[in-house]
Protein backbone atom coordinates (compact mmCIF):
# COMPACT_ATOMS: atom_id res chain seq x y z
CA MET A 1 0.14 -0.22 -0.01
CA PHE A 2 2.51 2.41 1.04
CA GLU A 3 4.60 1.64 -1.98
CA LYS A 4 1.66 2.38 -4.72
CA LEU A 5 1.37 5.64 -2.81
CA LYS A 6 4.89 6.30 -2.93
CA GLY A 7 5.32 5.60 -6.59
CA PHE A 8 2.09 7.84 -7.26
CA PHE A 9 3.91 10.55 -5.45
CA LEU A 10 7.18 9.88 -7.43
CA ALA A 11 5.18 10.03 -10.73
CA ASN A 12 3.31 12.69 -10.20
CA GLY A 13 4.88 15.16 -7.44
CA LEU A 14 5.35 18.15 -9.86
CA LYS A 15 1.74 17.76 -10.96
CA ILE A 16 0.48 17.46 -7.44
CA MET A 17 2.46 20.40 -6.23
CA LEU A 18 1.23 22.75 -9.33
CA ALA A 19 -2.36 21.64 -8.52
CA GLY A 20 -2.25 22.54 -4.78
CA PHE A 21 -0.20 25.97 -5.58
CA THR A 22 -3.34 26.94 -7.82
CA ILE A 23 -6.01 25.69 -5.71
CA SER A 24 -4.54 27.87 -2.81
CA ALA A 25 -4.13 30.78 -5.03
CA ILE A 26 -7.70 30.34 -6.08
CA GLY A 27 -8.59 30.03 -2.27
CA ILE A 28 -6.81 33.32 -1.44
CA ILE A 29 -8.32 35.20 -4.14
CA PHE A 30 -11.83 33.97 -3.09
CA TYR A 31 -11.04 34.86 0.37
CA ILE A 32 -10.11 38.25 -0.33
CA LYS A 33 -13.44 38.84 -2.48
CA MET A 34 -15.64 37.52 0.31
CA GLN A 35 -13.81 39.55 3.16
CA HIS A 36 -16.79 41.43 4.24
CA ASP A 37 -19.56 38.89 2.98
CA ASN A 38 -20.70 35.83 4.36
CA PRO A 39 -18.66 34.22 6.92
CA ASP A 40 -19.54 30.65 5.78
CA LEU A 41 -18.25 31.51 2.40
CA ARG A 42 -14.91 32.83 4.18
CA LYS A 43 -14.72 29.49 5.82
CA ILE A 44 -14.78 27.52 2.59
CA ALA A 45 -12.21 30.05 1.01
CA PHE A 46 -9.90 29.28 4.00
CA GLY A 47 -10.63 25.69 3.86
CA THR A 48 -9.82 25.58 -0.05
CA THR A 49 -6.59 27.65 0.82
CA VAL A 50 -5.62 24.98 3.36
CA ALA A 51 -6.31 22.12 1.10
CA GLY A 52 -4.21 23.64 -1.54
CA VAL A 53 -1.41 24.26 0.80
CA VAL A 54 -1.38 20.63 1.82
CA MET A 55 -1.42 19.31 -1.51
CA TYR A 56 1.42 21.54 -2.44
CA MET A 57 3.36 20.31 0.60
CA ALA A 58 2.74 16.58 -0.54
CA GLY A 59 3.69 17.28 -4.38
CA ARG A 60 6.93 19.02 -2.80
CA VAL A 61 7.81 15.78 -0.73
CA GLY A 62 6.94 13.59 -3.91
CA VAL A 63 9.59 15.85 -5.75
CA PHE A 64 11.92 15.81 -3.09
CA ILE A 65 11.80 12.04 -2.56
CA GLU A 66 12.11 11.89 -6.48
CA ARG A 67 15.39 13.71 -6.91
CA ARG A 68 17.13 11.95 -3.96
CA GLU A 69 16.09 8.61 -5.43
CA GLN A 70 17.76 9.83 -8.90
CA ARG A 71 20.79 11.24 -7.04
CA LYS A 72 21.45 7.93 -5.20
CA ARG A 73 21.13 5.95 -8.69
CA ARG A 74 23.52 8.55 -10.28
CA GLU A 75 25.98 8.12 -7.36
CA ARG A 76 25.51 4.16 -7.52
CA ARG A 77 26.43 4.35 -11.13
CA VAL A 78 29.44 6.70 -10.70
CA LEU A 79 30.71 4.06 -8.18
CA ASP A 80 30.09 1.32 -10.33
CA SER A 81 31.93 2.61 -13.30
CA GLU A 82 34.80 3.74 -10.93
CA ASP A 83 34.96 0.03 -9.67
CA GLU A 84 35.03 -1.31 -13.17
CA ALA A 85 37.96 1.13 -14.20
CA ALA A 86 40.04 0.08 -11.07
């Protein structure tokens, strides 16, 4: 289960990050527009902003893990090529 979730974040981390950023930006704009209107709409706008930030952070973690694994693979290839050369 965890491996499936990890694989999803590795494959789609940047897309998730961008979607979260977009949703949070829309929530912020909606919150500013509804600042003096209905308090329930302000709560929805705030919740949308928080959900967008959470999505952004989840995507950011996915991108971080993906880049770390790419770096490890690259380092392994360099070490393997050095071992073959020696």
